[in-house]
Amino acid sequence: MGMTELTLDTELTGEQREYLKMVKISADSLLNIINDILDFSKIEAKCLDLEKIDFDFWPAIESVVDLMALKFFNKGIKFSYYIKPDIPPSLTGDLGRLRQILINLLANTLKFTERGEVFIEVELESKDQESVLLHFIVRDTGIGIHADKREVIFQSFSQADGSTTRKYGGTGLGLTICKQLTEMMGGRIWLESEPGSGSKFHFTAKFGLQPVKNRPAWTSKPVDLQGLRVLVVDDNQTNRIILKKMLSYWGLLPQEAQDGKKALRQLEKAAPAGNPYRLVLLDFQMPGMDGFEVSALIKKNKLLSVTKIILLTSLTQRGDGAYCKKVGISGYLPKPVKQADLFKMITDVLGQGPADDTLSRSHLITRYTMLEDRPKQRLKILLAEDNLINQKFTVKLLENQGHSVLVAGNGQEALKLLEDHALDLVFMDVQMPVMDGFEATLIIREREKSSGRHLPIMAITAHALKEDRERCLEAGMDDYISKPVKVPELMGIIQQVISVAPKDKIKPVGQSAAGLSVPSA
């Protein structure tokens, strides 16, 4: 699976790429079935226990959105989400299982929704001094389900009817696992649906509270937003509602328009009255006039010179940036819009000079330019792995991200390399000849007692039960990744190491990385 993914990033003929995509889709489908059966069997055998880890709630939900967004876009389905602002940002619980529930529900809506939209909403159900009960809603415009089938779909190996299985496939375990996991997390799951009118899946889950601030750090305001008028232009009502809620919470005064013509009328009416809109959030794909056409007409009108434009689009294409500059757009964000990205872009855009000056026309703010002040960082990584295929896949993947990698075929080789090189991170296979990962880790931790350093060591293991994780932690490993290794999980661990490391210990790409000292948890 890993080598197929790497091959798809190389130069291929159209026919070869099509065949390899089929291989990848089939392998992913098989892996999902295997994972569902394993999870179900672990739950039935009472071998699955929930983890209790600290995590940031907003990025956790947004990572699920990022994972699923392209799949919905490829099917032509609008996909959006809204997290109510009163939800505490820092929680404690099993983030992995929360992600699993959401992904299972979204995959289910993707399967049974042919057109329209899918929307996630998260709200605070209840709160006490130690915990919160969150209410998640996944709404779709799919085929819907008859009332007498609503309970059946949560039973093992069941779907609404036999024809559904033939048409859409699947094991019928995804929703069963969701039900069992929500109950383990102190909540429940239920469904509202009518045939032909879509479905609303609800579930609740309880999480512990971390003793930290009540608002995300990104909501500090370098630009005063209070009372600024904003026009939201989008033909989709759900998107307008979401954006208006966000903007109102930040202190702006949002109004809405359903299309370009109505937007222009509102802008032209407000400007002569001495109460112009300072900002327009403009959808790209709209009937009648698209976002580029509306932007060009706004910029031609001298009365609207103070108005800045941020374009929101699900369809990104090469050359969009250049055309945005040409028509005077100040900012450009892909959908579904992340709240942190939108907030930062609004403050950046409104912090510029007048909308018609040279800087504004030549400088386009995007999600990527907002990250330019964060230098790309390089780690020196040791991979201890005896399987040649796993070696090649993991090394290539890490090198593609700009990291340098040393490879050891067993624990003894890993110890020798650690003596000769200053390293930032170790991925340690558990089962290796000569010396396994557990023994090698114990020796590393013993050596560290005299130096006071702590080298992050992540186990790579085919074993993923609770007792396997505990054995890894007892040996001194910081955490583990289960095989087959997933790219987002691997990259997430690297980002975690970078974020925890002292800033002077990790060098930008192109420089050698010094040794990393990370405090033990």
Protein backbone atom coordinates (compact mmCIF):
# COMPACT_ATOMS: atom_id res chain seq x y z
CA MET A 1 0.00 0.00 0.00
CA GLY A 2 2.79 2.39 0.90
CA MET A 3 4.77 1.72 -2.27
CA THR A 4 1.62 2.23 -4.35
CA GLU A 5 1.14 5.63 -2.72
CA LEU A 6 4.75 6.59 -3.45
CA THR A 7 4.46 5.41 -7.06
CA LEU A 8 1.41 7.63 -7.58
CA ASP A 9 3.65 10.62 -6.81
CA THR A 10 5.99 9.77 -9.72
CA GLU A 11 5.63 10.36 -13.47
CA LEU A 12 3.14 7.86 -14.92
CA THR A 13 1.08 7.42 -18.05
CA GLY A 14 -2.64 8.06 -17.69
CA GLU A 15 -3.38 4.34 -17.97
CA GLN A 16 -0.80 3.39 -15.32
CA ARG A 17 -2.12 6.03 -12.92
CA GLU A 18 -5.70 4.80 -13.38
CA TYR A 19 -4.69 1.18 -12.64
CA LEU A 20 -2.69 2.16 -9.54
CA LYS A 21 -5.57 4.27 -8.23
CA MET A 22 -7.77 1.17 -8.50
CA VAL A 23 -5.15 -0.81 -6.57
CA LYS A 24 -5.06 1.84 -3.84
CA ILE A 25 -8.86 2.10 -3.59
CA SER A 26 -9.17 -1.69 -3.32
CA ALA A 27 -6.39 -1.93 -0.72
CA ASP A 28 -7.92 0.89 1.35
CA SER A 29 -11.31 -0.80 1.21
CA LEU A 30 -9.85 -4.11 2.35
CA LEU A 31 -7.93 -2.41 5.17
CA ASN A 32 -11.11 -0.66 6.34
CA ILE A 33 -12.96 -3.98 6.47
CA ILE A 34 -10.11 -5.61 8.42
CA ASN A 35 -9.97 -2.67 10.87
CA ASP A 36 -13.74 -2.77 11.40
CA ILE A 37 -13.67 -6.51 12.14
CA LEU A 38 -10.68 -6.14 14.49
CA ASP A 39 -12.29 -3.23 16.36
CA PHE A 40 -15.61 -5.05 16.62
CA SER A 41 -13.94 -8.23 17.92
CA LYS A 42 -11.91 -6.26 20.49
CA ILE A 43 -15.04 -4.49 21.75
CA GLU A 44 -16.99 -7.76 21.92
CA ALA A 45 -14.13 -9.42 23.83
CA LYS A 46 -13.91 -6.37 26.14
CA CYS A 47 -10.27 -5.89 25.13
CA LEU A 48 -10.66 -2.30 24.00
CA ASP A 49 -10.04 0.41 26.58
CA LEU A 50 -10.23 4.13 26.01
CA GLU A 51 -7.13 6.29 26.28
CA LYS A 52 -7.05 9.44 28.35
CA ILE A 53 -4.82 12.03 26.68
CA ASP A 54 -4.78 15.84 26.53
CA PHE A 55 -5.68 17.29 23.13
CA ASP A 56 -6.78 20.54 21.47
CA PHE A 57 -10.37 20.13 20.33
CA TRP A 58 -10.53 22.55 17.37
CA PRO A 59 -7.50 21.15 15.47
CA ALA A 60 -8.76 17.63 16.16
CA ILE A 61 -12.08 18.28 14.41
CA GLU A 62 -10.41 20.22 11.61
CA SER A 63 -8.04 17.31 10.93
CA VAL A 64 -11.09 15.12 10.23
CA VAL A 65 -12.51 17.84 7.97
CA ASP A 66 -9.21 18.02 6.06
CA LEU A 67 -9.16 14.24 5.65
CA MET A 68 -12.68 14.04 4.19
CA ALA A 69 -12.95 17.35 2.28
CA LEU A 70 -11.45 16.15 -1.00
CA LYS A 71 -13.67 13.05 -1.06
CA PHE A 72 -16.80 15.18 -0.79
CA PHE A 73 -15.50 17.68 -3.36
CA ASN A 74 -14.74 14.88 -5.86
CA LYS A 75 -18.34 13.72 -5.53
CA GLY A 76 -19.70 17.26 -5.98
CA ILE A 77 -21.10 17.52 -2.45
CA LYS A 78 -20.78 20.74 -0.41
CA PHE A 79 -19.08 20.05 2.93
CA SER A 80 -18.98 22.43 5.89
CA TYR A 81 -18.72 22.45 9.68
CA TYR A 82 -19.30 24.72 12.68
CA ILE A 83 -17.92 24.45 16.22
CA LYS A 84 -19.85 26.59 18.69
CA PRO A 85 -17.51 29.04 20.43
CA ASP A 86 -18.48 28.11 24.00
CA ILE A 87 -16.78 24.70 23.71
CA PRO A 88 -13.56 24.62 25.79
CA PRO A 89 -10.55 24.32 23.45
CA SER A 90 -8.43 21.95 25.58
CA LEU A 91 -9.92 18.59 26.56
CA THR A 92 -8.90 15.16 27.85
CA GLY A 93 -10.08 11.84 26.40
CA ASP A 94 -9.61 9.37 23.57
CA LEU A 95 -9.03 11.57 20.53
CA GLY A 96 -8.38 8.57 18.25
CA ARG A 97 -11.78 7.05 18.97
CA LEU A 98 -13.55 10.40 18.54
CA ARG A 99 -11.93 10.75 15.12
CA GLN A 100 -12.98 7.18 14.30
CA ILE A 101 -16.64 7.89 15.11
CA LEU A 102 -16.68 11.05 12.99
CA ILE A 103 -14.89 9.43 10.05
CA ASN A 104 -17.26 6.44 10.14
CA LEU A 105 -20.30 8.73 10.13
CA LEU A 106 -18.89 10.93 7.36
CA ALA A 107 -17.97 7.89 5.27
CA ASN A 108 -21.54 6.66 5.72
CA THR A 109 -23.01 10.00 4.56
CA LEU A 110 -20.60 10.08 1.63
CA LYS A 111 -21.78 6.65 0.55
CA PHE A 112 -25.50 7.47 0.68
CA THR A 113 -25.47 11.11 -0.49
CA GLU A 114 -25.45 11.69 -4.24
CA ARG A 115 -25.97 15.47 -4.27
CA GLY A 116 -26.49 18.41 -1.96
CA GLU A 117 -24.47 18.95 1.21
CA VAL A 118 -23.06 17.43 4.40
CA PHE A 119 -22.71 19.55 7.53
CA ILE A 120 -21.06 18.89 10.92
CA GLU A 121 -22.04 20.90 14.00
CA VAL A 122 -20.62 20.55 17.50
CA GLU A 123 -22.30 22.11 20.54
CA LEU A 124 -21.95 22.01 24.31
CA GLU A 125 -24.60 19.76 25.84
CA SER A 126 -23.59 20.18 29.50
CA LYS A 127 -20.59 21.12 31.63
CA ASP A 128 -19.39 20.75 35.20
CA GLN A 129 -16.10 21.55 36.94
CA GLU A 130 -14.33 18.44 35.65
CA SER A 131 -15.93 17.46 32.33
CA VAL A 132 -18.06 18.42 29.35
CA LEU A 133 -20.66 16.47 27.40
CA LEU A 134 -20.45 17.42 23.71
CA HIS A 135 -23.22 16.97 21.15
CA PHE A 136 -22.15 16.21 17.57
CA ILE A 137 -24.54 16.42 14.61
CA VAL A 138 -23.75 15.08 11.12
CA ARG A 139 -26.45 16.17 8.67
CA ASP A 140 -26.75 15.09 5.03
CA THR A 141 -29.12 15.38 2.08
CA GLY A 142 -28.87 11.69 1.21
CA ILE A 143 -31.41 8.94 0.57
CA GLY A 144 -32.77 8.86 4.13
CA ILE A 145 -33.95 5.87 6.17
CA HIS A 146 -37.43 4.54 7.04
CA ALA A 147 -38.48 4.84 10.70
CA ASP A 148 -38.60 1.05 11.19
CA LYS A 149 -34.98 0.71 10.03
CA ARG A 150 -33.39 3.39 12.23
CA GLU A 151 -32.45 1.03 15.05
CA VAL A 152 -31.50 -1.86 12.75
CA ILE A 153 -28.59 0.03 11.17
CA PHE A 154 -26.77 0.16 14.53
CA GLN A 155 -26.84 -3.65 14.82
CA SER A 156 -23.88 -5.83 13.80
CA PHE A 157 -23.49 -6.66 10.09
CA SER A 158 -26.74 -4.85 9.29
CA GLN A 159 -27.80 -2.28 6.73
CA ALA A 160 -31.22 -0.82 6.01
CA ASP A 161 -32.01 -3.51 3.41
CA GLY A 162 -30.35 -6.08 1.18
CA SER A 163 -30.40 -3.87 -1.90
CA THR A 164 -28.34 -1.28 -0.01
CA THR A 165 -25.59 -3.82 0.55
CA ARG A 166 -25.60 -4.79 -3.13
CA LYS A 167 -25.53 -1.19 -4.35
CA TYR A 168 -23.23 0.47 -1.83
CA GLY A 169 -21.20 -2.37 -0.30
CA GLY A 170 -19.71 -2.36 3.20
CA THR A 171 -19.72 -4.72 6.18
CA GLY A 172 -22.49 -3.07 8.20
CA LEU A 173 -20.08 -2.70 11.14
CA GLY A 174 -19.22 1.01 10.95
CA LEU A 175 -22.34 2.30 12.72
CA THR A 176 -22.25 -0.59 15.21
CA ILE A 177 -18.74 0.43 16.24
CA CYS A 178 -19.88 4.07 16.50
CA LYS A 179 -22.69 3.03 18.87
CA GLN A 180 -20.41 0.96 21.08
CA LEU A 181 -17.69 3.64 21.21
CA THR A 182 -20.11 6.45 22.10
CA GLU A 183 -21.51 4.38 24.94
CA MET A 184 -17.97 3.70 26.19
CA MET A 185 -17.36 7.47 26.06
CA GLY A 186 -20.34 8.19 28.32
CA GLY A 187 -22.73 9.18 25.54
CA ARG A 188 -25.21 7.75 23.05
CA ILE A 189 -26.00 7.85 19.33
CA TRP A 190 -29.32 8.28 17.53
CA LEU A 191 -30.75 9.14 14.15
CA GLU A 192 -33.39 11.46 12.69
CA SER A 193 -34.32 10.62 9.09
CA GLU A 194 -37.03 10.32 6.49
CA PRO A 195 -36.74 8.59 3.09
CA GLY A 196 -35.72 11.10 0.44
CA SER A 197 -35.14 13.90 2.98
CA GLY A 198 -31.68 13.10 4.24
CA SER A 199 -30.48 12.10 7.70
CA LYS A 200 -29.19 13.69 10.91
CA PHE A 201 -26.90 11.49 13.00
CA HIS A 202 -26.51 12.71 16.56
CA PHE A 203 -24.05 11.47 19.16
CA THR A 204 -22.82 12.68 22.52
CA ALA A 205 -19.49 11.99 24.23
CA LYS A 206 -17.96 13.04 27.54
CA PHE A 207 -14.47 14.55 27.86
CA GLY A 208 -12.39 15.81 30.76
CA LEU A 209 -11.39 19.46 31.09
CA GLN A 210 -7.84 20.77 31.08
CA PRO A 211 -7.24 23.73 33.42
CA VAL A 212 -6.44 26.24 30.65
CA LYS A 213 -7.81 29.33 28.92
CA ASN A 214 -11.36 29.33 27.58
CA ARG A 215 -10.64 30.65 24.08
CA PRO A 216 -8.22 29.51 21.36
CA ALA A 217 -4.94 31.43 21.22
CA TRP A 218 -5.57 32.55 17.62
CA THR A 219 -8.45 34.79 18.70
CA SER A 220 -6.11 37.49 20.01
CA LYS A 221 -6.97 40.57 17.91
CA PRO A 222 -4.12 42.59 16.32
CA VAL A 223 -6.85 44.52 14.43
CA ASP A 224 -9.99 45.85 16.13
CA LEU A 225 -12.91 44.05 14.48
CA GLN A 226 -15.69 45.41 16.66
CA GLY A 227 -18.56 46.83 14.64
CA LEU A 228 -16.98 46.41 11.18
CA ARG A 229 -19.54 45.73 8.44
CA VAL A 230 -19.04 42.54 6.41
CA LEU A 231 -21.05 41.23 3.45
CA VAL A 232 -21.25 37.43 3.09
CA VAL A 233 -21.97 36.45 -0.52
CA ASP A 234 -22.78 32.77 -1.11
CA ASP A 235 -25.59 30.92 -2.87
CA ASN A 236 -25.54 28.18 -0.20
CA GLN A 237 -27.67 29.05 2.82
CA THR A 238 -25.76 26.77 5.22
CA ASN A 239 -22.47 28.48 4.37
CA ARG A 240 -24.02 31.91 4.93
CA ILE A 241 -25.39 30.89 8.33
CA ILE A 242 -22.03 29.45 9.45
CA LEU A 243 -20.04 32.50 8.34
CA LYS A 244 -22.48 34.92 9.95
CA LYS A 245 -22.23 33.06 13.28
CA MET A 246 -18.42 33.16 13.20
CA LEU A 247 -18.28 36.84 12.26
CA SER A 248 -20.85 37.89 14.86
CA TYR A 249 -18.93 36.11 17.61
CA TRP A 250 -15.78 38.03 16.65
CA GLY A 251 -17.62 41.35 16.92
CA LEU A 252 -18.19 42.10 13.22
CA LEU A 253 -21.58 43.06 11.77
CA PRO A 254 -22.38 40.60 8.95
CA GLN A 255 -25.07 40.93 6.28
CA GLU A 256 -25.72 38.43 3.50
CA ALA A 257 -26.44 38.23 -0.22
CA GLN A 258 -27.39 35.13 -2.23
CA ASP A 259 -25.66 36.06 -5.50
CA GLY A 260 -23.37 38.57 -7.17
CA LYS A 261 -26.07 40.94 -8.44
CA LYS A 262 -27.67 41.33 -5.02
CA ALA A 263 -24.23 41.80 -3.46
CA LEU A 264 -23.36 44.63 -5.84
CA ARG A 265 -26.68 46.37 -5.15
CA GLN A 266 -26.09 46.19 -1.39
CA LEU A 267 -22.51 47.46 -1.69
CA GLU A 268 -23.50 50.34 -4.00
CA LYS A 269 -26.38 51.33 -1.72
CA ALA A 270 -24.28 51.34 1.47
CA ALA A 271 -21.29 53.34 0.16
CA PRO A 272 -23.04 56.67 -0.70
CA ALA A 273 -24.90 56.54 2.63
CA GLY A 274 -21.53 56.82 4.41
CA ASN A 275 -21.72 53.32 5.89
CA PRO A 276 -19.70 51.13 3.48
CA TYR A 277 -18.85 47.48 3.93
CA ARG A 278 -15.19 47.10 4.94
CA LEU A 279 -15.01 43.46 3.86
CA VAL A 280 -16.70 41.02 1.47
CA LEU A 281 -16.49 37.25 1.97
CA LEU A 282 -17.18 36.05 -1.55
CA ASP A 283 -17.95 32.54 -2.77
CA PHE A 284 -16.31 31.66 -6.08
CA GLN A 285 -18.85 29.24 -7.59
CA MET A 286 -22.23 31.00 -7.83
CA PRO A 287 -24.98 31.07 -10.48
CA GLY A 288 -25.04 34.10 -12.78
CA MET A 289 -21.70 35.69 -11.89
CA ASP A 290 -18.79 33.88 -10.29
CA GLY A 291 -16.54 35.38 -7.62
CA PHE A 292 -13.95 36.71 -10.09
CA GLU A 293 -16.60 38.61 -12.08
CA VAL A 294 -18.09 40.14 -8.93
CA SER A 295 -14.63 41.14 -7.66
CA ALA A 296 -13.76 42.88 -10.94
CA LEU A 297 -16.99 44.93 -10.82
CA ILE A 298 -16.39 45.92 -7.19
CA LYS A 299 -12.90 47.17 -8.01
CA LYS A 300 -14.16 49.23 -10.97
CA ASN A 301 -16.44 51.21 -8.66
CA LYS A 302 -14.49 54.06 -7.02
CA LEU A 303 -17.12 54.33 -4.27
CA LEU A 304 -16.07 50.87 -3.05
CA SER A 305 -12.35 51.62 -2.69
CA VAL A 306 -12.29 50.84 1.06
CA THR A 307 -13.81 47.38 0.54
CA LYS A 308 -11.49 44.39 0.82
CA ILE A 309 -12.39 41.01 -0.70
CA ILE A 310 -11.64 37.49 0.55
CA LEU A 311 -12.51 34.75 -1.96
CA LEU A 312 -13.73 31.38 -0.59
CA THR A 313 -13.66 28.42 -2.95
CA SER A 314 -13.95 24.63 -3.09
CA LEU A 315 -12.34 24.63 -6.54
CA THR A 316 -8.65 25.56 -6.56
CA GLN A 317 -6.82 25.63 -9.89
CA ARG A 318 -3.40 26.62 -11.14
CA GLY A 319 -3.36 30.32 -11.99
CA ASP A 320 -6.06 31.31 -9.47
CA GLY A 321 -3.59 33.33 -7.44
CA ALA A 322 -2.49 35.45 -10.39
CA TYR A 323 -6.10 36.14 -11.39
CA CYS A 324 -7.04 37.04 -7.80
CA LYS A 325 -4.33 39.73 -7.84
CA LYS A 326 -5.52 40.98 -11.23
CA VAL A 327 -9.09 41.59 -10.04
CA GLY A 328 -8.02 43.08 -6.68
CA ILE A 329 -8.81 40.20 -4.31
CA SER A 330 -6.91 40.55 -1.02
CA GLY A 331 -7.28 37.02 0.38
CA TYR A 332 -7.99 33.52 -0.88
CA LEU A 333 -9.10 30.54 1.24
CA PRO A 334 -10.18 27.00 0.32
CA LYS A 335 -13.42 25.49 1.63
CA PRO A 336 -14.40 24.15 4.07
CA VAL A 337 -13.04 27.24 5.83
CA LYS A 338 -11.17 26.72 9.08
CA GLN A 339 -12.18 29.22 11.73
CA ALA A 340 -8.58 29.93 12.78
CA ASP A 341 -7.54 30.51 9.15
CA LEU A 342 -10.46 32.83 8.46
CA PHE A 343 -9.90 34.86 11.62
CA LYS A 344 -6.20 35.35 10.86
CA MET A 345 -6.89 36.22 7.23
CA ILE A 346 -9.50 38.82 8.18
CA THR A 347 -7.11 40.51 10.61
CA ASP A 348 -4.27 40.36 8.05
CA VAL A 349 -6.40 41.71 5.20
CA LEU A 350 -7.94 44.52 7.28
CA GLY A 351 -4.48 45.40 8.56
CA GLN A 352 -3.36 46.37 5.03
CA GLY A 353 -3.65 49.84 3.50
CA PRO A 354 -6.52 51.07 1.31
CA ALA A 355 -7.99 48.42 -0.95
CA ASP A 356 -6.97 50.18 -4.17
CA ASP A 357 -3.31 50.84 -3.36
CA THR A 358 -0.36 49.14 -5.09
CA LEU A 359 0.43 46.80 -2.18
CA SER A 360 -3.12 45.52 -1.99
CA ARG A 361 -3.21 44.73 -5.71
CA SER A 362 0.16 42.98 -5.79
CA HIS A 363 0.03 41.10 -2.49
CA LEU A 364 -2.40 38.18 -2.10
CA ILE A 365 -2.82 36.54 1.31
CA THR A 366 -3.48 32.78 1.24
CA ARG A 367 -3.49 30.02 3.84
CA TYR A 368 0.09 29.26 2.79
CA THR A 369 1.45 32.82 2.97
CA MET A 370 0.03 33.04 6.50
CA LEU A 371 2.32 30.15 7.41
CA GLU A 372 5.43 31.58 5.78
CA ASP A 373 6.68 32.96 9.09
CA ARG A 374 6.88 29.38 10.34
CA PRO A 375 10.13 28.03 8.82
CA LYS A 376 10.02 24.53 7.42
CA GLN A 377 11.99 22.42 9.86
CA ARG A 378 14.15 19.40 9.35
CA LEU A 379 14.73 16.51 11.73
CA LYS A 380 17.48 13.94 11.79
CA ILE A 381 15.61 10.67 12.25
CA LEU A 382 16.70 7.12 12.99
CA LEU A 383 14.52 4.34 11.57
CA ALA A 384 15.12 0.96 13.24
CA GLU A 385 13.31 -1.54 10.99
CA ASP A 386 14.36 -4.94 9.62
CA ASN A 387 11.78 -5.22 6.83
CA LEU A 388 13.25 -3.95 3.54
CA ILE A 389 9.91 -2.84 2.07
CA ASN A 390 8.96 -0.93 5.22
CA GLN A 391 12.43 0.65 5.22
CA LYS A 392 12.15 1.93 1.65
CA PHE A 393 8.62 3.27 2.10
CA THR A 394 9.27 5.08 5.39
CA VAL A 395 12.64 6.52 4.31
CA LYS A 396 11.23 7.87 1.05
CA LEU A 397 8.23 9.34 2.83
CA LEU A 398 10.38 11.14 5.43
CA GLU A 399 12.91 12.35 2.85
CA ASN A 400 10.08 13.79 0.73
CA GLN A 401 9.23 15.95 3.75
CA GLY A 402 12.80 17.27 3.95
CA HIS A 403 14.04 15.13 6.84
CA SER A 404 17.29 13.13 6.84
CA VAL A 405 17.06 9.46 7.79
CA LEU A 406 19.53 6.87 9.09
CA VAL A 407 18.47 3.19 8.92
CA ALA A 408 19.26 0.36 11.32
CA GLY A 409 18.28 -3.26 10.66
CA ASN A 410 18.09 -4.22 14.36
CA GLY A 411 18.40 -2.83 17.86
CA GLN A 412 22.18 -3.27 18.06
CA GLU A 413 22.73 -1.26 14.89
CA ALA A 414 20.41 1.42 16.25
CA LEU A 415 22.48 1.74 19.46
CA LYS A 416 25.70 2.08 17.44
CA LEU A 417 24.22 4.84 15.25
CA LEU A 418 23.02 6.70 18.34
CA GLU A 419 26.57 6.69 19.68
CA ASP A 420 27.92 8.26 16.49
CA HIS A 421 25.13 10.73 15.57
CA ALA A 422 23.04 13.43 17.25
CA LEU A 423 19.43 12.52 16.43
CA ASP A 424 16.07 14.19 16.95
CA LEU A 425 13.66 11.25 16.78
CA VAL A 426 13.65 7.45 16.59
CA PHE A 427 11.03 5.24 14.94
CA MET A 428 11.64 1.84 16.54
CA ASP A 429 10.22 -1.40 15.19
CA VAL A 430 9.28 -3.69 18.06
CA GLN A 431 10.13 -7.07 16.50
CA MET A 432 13.65 -7.25 15.05
CA PRO A 433 16.39 -9.91 14.95
CA VAL A 434 19.53 -9.80 17.17
CA MET A 435 17.99 -7.18 19.50
CA ASP A 436 14.32 -6.14 19.52
CA GLY A 437 12.94 -2.64 19.99
CA PHE A 438 12.03 -3.13 23.66
CA GLU A 439 15.57 -4.09 24.69
CA ALA A 440 17.14 -1.33 22.61
CA THR A 441 14.85 1.28 24.15
CA LEU A 442 15.62 0.14 27.71
CA ILE A 443 19.36 0.55 27.01
CA ILE A 444 18.83 4.02 25.50
CA ARG A 445 16.84 5.15 28.53
CA GLU A 446 19.50 3.79 30.90
CA ARG A 447 22.21 5.73 29.05
CA GLU A 448 20.15 8.93 29.24
CA LYS A 449 20.09 8.93 33.04
CA SER A 450 23.55 10.47 33.20
CA SER A 451 22.97 13.07 30.46
CA GLY A 452 19.51 14.35 31.43
CA ARG A 453 18.39 14.22 27.78
CA HIS A 454 15.23 12.55 26.53
CA LEU A 455 15.20 11.33 22.92
CA PRO A 456 11.67 10.80 21.55
CA ILE A 457 11.20 7.13 20.61
CA MET A 458 8.08 6.03 18.76
CA ALA A 459 7.35 2.33 18.47
CA ILE A 460 6.24 0.91 15.12
CA THR A 461 4.30 -2.28 15.77
CA ALA A 462 1.80 -4.61 14.19
CA HIS A 463 0.33 -5.16 17.68
CA ALA A 464 -2.29 -2.58 18.64
CA LEU A 465 -4.06 -3.86 21.77
CA LYS A 466 -4.01 -1.93 25.05
CA GLU A 467 -1.46 -4.28 26.63
CA ASP A 468 0.88 -3.80 23.65
CA ARG A 469 0.79 -0.02 24.11
CA GLU A 470 1.43 -0.42 27.85
CA ARG A 471 4.43 -2.63 27.14
CA CYS A 472 5.84 0.02 24.79
CA LEU A 473 5.42 2.72 27.43
CA GLU A 474 6.92 0.54 30.16
CA ALA A 475 10.00 0.02 27.98
CA GLY A 476 10.44 3.78 27.82
CA MET A 477 8.90 4.54 24.42
CA ASP A 478 6.92 7.77 24.14
CA ASP A 479 4.10 6.36 22.02
CA TYR A 480 3.48 3.92 19.18
CA ILE A 481 2.19 3.72 15.62
CA SER A 482 0.43 0.56 14.51
CA LYS A 483 1.21 -1.00 11.14
CA PRO A 484 0.47 -0.41 8.35
CA VAL A 485 1.89 3.06 8.92
CA LYS A 486 -0.47 5.86 7.87
CA VAL A 487 1.06 9.00 6.39
CA PRO A 488 -1.01 11.56 8.42
CA GLU A 489 -0.19 9.73 11.67
CA LEU A 490 3.53 9.71 10.88
CA MET A 491 3.52 13.40 9.94
CA GLY A 492 1.51 14.23 13.06
CA ILE A 493 4.14 12.69 15.31
CA ILE A 494 6.90 14.64 13.57
CA GLN A 495 4.96 17.89 13.95
CA GLN A 496 4.42 17.10 17.63
CA VAL A 497 8.16 16.64 18.15
CA ILE A 498 8.89 19.91 16.34
CA SER A 499 6.33 21.83 18.40
CA VAL A 500 7.67 20.52 21.73
CA ALA A 501 11.36 21.00 20.90
CA PRO A 502 13.24 24.14 21.93
CA LYS A 503 13.30 26.46 18.89
CA ASP A 504 17.11 26.63 18.77
CA LYS A 505 17.44 22.84 18.58
CA ILE A 506 15.81 22.27 15.19
CA LYS A 507 17.27 23.94 12.13
CA PRO A 508 15.45 25.03 8.97
CA VAL A 509 15.70 22.76 5.92
CA GLY A 510 19.14 22.93 4.39
CA GLN A 511 21.00 23.04 7.73
CA SER A 512 22.08 20.14 9.88
CA ALA A 513 19.86 19.33 12.83
CA ALA A 514 21.36 19.37 16.29
CA GLY A 515 20.42 16.98 19.06
CA LEU A 516 16.91 17.43 20.41
CA SER A 517 16.22 17.56 24.13
CA VAL A 518 12.56 17.04 24.94
CA PRO A 519 11.33 16.89 28.54
CA SER A 520 9.85 13.50 29.38
CA ALA A 521 6.11 13.45 29.94
